[in-house]
C-alpha atoms as a PDB file:
ATOM      1  CA  MET A   1     112.790  88.089  18.695  1.00  0.00           C
ATOM      2  CA  LEU A   2     111.523  91.128  17.225  1.00  0.00           C
ATOM      3  CA  TYR A   3     112.117  94.579  18.202  1.00  0.00           C
ATOM      4  CA  PRO A   4     110.600  97.584  17.563  1.00  0.00           C
ATOM      5  CA  GLN A   5     110.332  98.351  13.456  1.00  0.00           C
ATOM      6  CA  GLY A   6     110.471  94.734  12.970  1.00  0.00           C
ATOM      7  CA  ARG A   7     114.677  94.814  13.901  1.00  0.00           C
ATOM      8  CA  THR A   8     116.918  91.785  14.984  1.00  0.00           C
ATOM      9  CA  ALA A   9     119.305  92.067  17.839  1.00  0.00           C
ATOM     10  CA  LEU A  10     121.556  92.246  15.146  1.00  0.00           C
ATOM     11  CA  HIS A  11     119.813  94.953  13.622  1.00  0.00           C
ATOM     12  CA  ILE A  12     120.048  96.894  16.695  1.00  0.00           C
ATOM     13  CA  ALA A  13     123.803  95.836  16.967  1.00  0.00           C
ATOM     14  CA  SER A  14     124.502  97.050  13.831  1.00  0.00           C
ATOM     15  CA  LEU A  15     122.520 100.540  13.991  1.00  0.00           C
ATOM     16  CA  GLU A  16     124.477 100.994  17.121  1.00  0.00           C
ATOM     17  CA  GLY A  17     128.097 100.100  16.414  1.00  0.00           C
ATOM     18  CA  HIS A  18     128.587  97.026  18.788  1.00  0.00           C
ATOM     19  CA  VAL A  19     131.311  95.182  17.313  1.00  0.00           C
ATOM     20  CA  GLU A  20     131.468  92.185  19.637  1.00  0.00           C
ATOM     21  CA  VAL A  21     127.360  92.328  20.450  1.00  0.00           C
ATOM     22  CA  ALA A  22     127.178  91.719  16.537  1.00  0.00           C
ATOM     23  CA  SER A  23     129.848  89.051  16.141  1.00  0.00           C
ATOM     24  CA  THR A  24     128.806  87.095  19.050  1.00  0.00           C
ATOM     25  CA  LEU A  25     125.214  86.946  17.738  1.00  0.00           C
ATOM     26  CA  ILE A  26     126.510  85.915  14.089  1.00  0.00           C
ATOM     27  CA  SER A  27     128.316  82.985  15.649  1.00  0.00           C
ATOM     28  CA  LYS A  28     124.912  81.835  16.830  1.00  0.00           C
ATOM     29  CA  ALA A  29     123.027  82.641  14.048  1.00  0.00           C
ATOM     30  CA  THR A  30     124.141  83.450  10.836  1.00  0.00           C
ATOM     31  CA  ALA A  31     120.717  83.475   9.143  1.00  0.00           C
ATOM     32  CA  LEU A  32     120.615  87.046  11.262  1.00  0.00           C
ATOM     33  CA  LEU A  33     122.460  88.225   7.852  1.00  0.00           C
ATOM     34  CA  HIS A  34     119.411  88.036   5.653  1.00  0.00           C
ATOM     35  CA  GLN A  35     116.732  89.411   8.043  1.00  0.00           C
ATOM     36  CA  VAL A  36     114.767  92.280   7.297  1.00  0.00           C
ATOM     37  CA  ASP A  37     113.356  95.083   9.254  1.00  0.00           C
ATOM     38  CA  ASN A  38     109.940  96.620   8.412  1.00  0.00           C
ATOM     39  CA  GLU A  39     111.685  98.674   5.726  1.00  0.00           C
ATOM     40  CA  GLY A  40     113.278  95.654   4.476  1.00  0.00           C
ATOM     41  CA  ARG A  41     116.841  97.232   6.022  1.00  0.00           C
ATOM     42  CA  THR A  42     119.829  94.705   6.915  1.00  0.00           C
ATOM     43  CA  SER A  43     121.926  94.408   9.326  1.00  0.00           C
ATOM     44  CA  LEU A  44     124.401  95.507   6.557  1.00  0.00           C
ATOM     45  CA  HIS A  45     122.088  98.626   5.602  1.00  0.00           C
ATOM     46  CA  LEU A  46     121.882 100.112   9.216  1.00  0.00           C
ATOM     47  CA  SER A  47     126.042  99.837   9.553  1.00  0.00           C
ATOM     48  CA  ALA A  48     126.448 101.417   6.478  1.00  0.00           C
ATOM     49  CA  ALA A  49     123.876 104.316   7.270  1.00  0.00           C
ATOM     50  CA  ASN A  50     125.877 104.534  10.052  1.00  0.00           C
ATOM     51  CA  GLY A  51     129.480 104.782   9.259  1.00  0.00           C
ATOM     52  CA  HIS A  52     130.982 101.678  11.449  1.00  0.00           C
ATOM     53  CA  ARG A  53     132.930 100.721   9.116  1.00  0.00           C
ATOM     54  CA  ASP A  54     134.892  97.879  11.221  1.00  0.00           C
ATOM     55  CA  LEU A  55     131.277  96.339  11.554  1.00  0.00           C
ATOM     56  CA  LEU A  56     130.746  96.676   7.953  1.00  0.00           C
ATOM     57  CA  THR A  57     133.936  94.409   7.475  1.00  0.00           C
ATOM     58  CA  ILE A  58     132.503  91.858   9.890  1.00  0.00           C
ATOM     59  CA  LEU A  59     129.579  91.649   8.089  1.00  0.00           C
ATOM     60  CA  ILE A  60     130.788  91.474   4.550  1.00  0.00           C
ATOM     61  CA  GLY A  61     133.211  89.116   5.780  1.00  0.00           C
ATOM     62  CA  GLN A  62     130.579  86.640   7.482  1.00  0.00           C
ATOM     63  CA  GLY A  63     128.308  86.841   4.101  1.00  0.00           C
ATOM     64  CA  ALA A  64     126.036  89.769   4.596  1.00  0.00           C
ATOM     65  CA  GLU A  65     124.329  90.566   0.729  1.00  0.00           C
ATOM     66  CA  ILE A  66     126.446  93.553  -0.558  1.00  0.00           C
ATOM     67  CA  ASP A  67     123.543  94.451  -3.048  1.00  0.00           C
ATOM     68  CA  ALA A  68     120.482  93.861  -1.100  1.00  0.00           C
ATOM     69  CA  GLN A  69     117.835  96.456  -1.525  1.00  0.00           C
ATOM     70  CA  ASP A  70     115.324  98.113   0.911  1.00  0.00           C
ATOM     71  CA  ASN A  71     111.994  99.146   0.680  1.00  0.00           C
ATOM     72  CA  VAL A  72     112.803 102.819   0.969  1.00  0.00           C
ATOM     73  CA  SER A  73     112.978 105.263  -1.821  1.00  0.00           C
END
């Protein structure tokens, strides 16, 4: 299911810093780590932009691409 701006549930959990929700989503579908929204942002981008350090550690540990680039200039 996609939310506004092409975001997934993991995008929203990462944006809001919901560690437990994000962990559950990743455990069910690791492919979510690589999904991008309409601006090319991954969950890692959104978590980093909002200062959610604990979540960053989890996302990176599960294989999120640290070199992914968005479409925002």
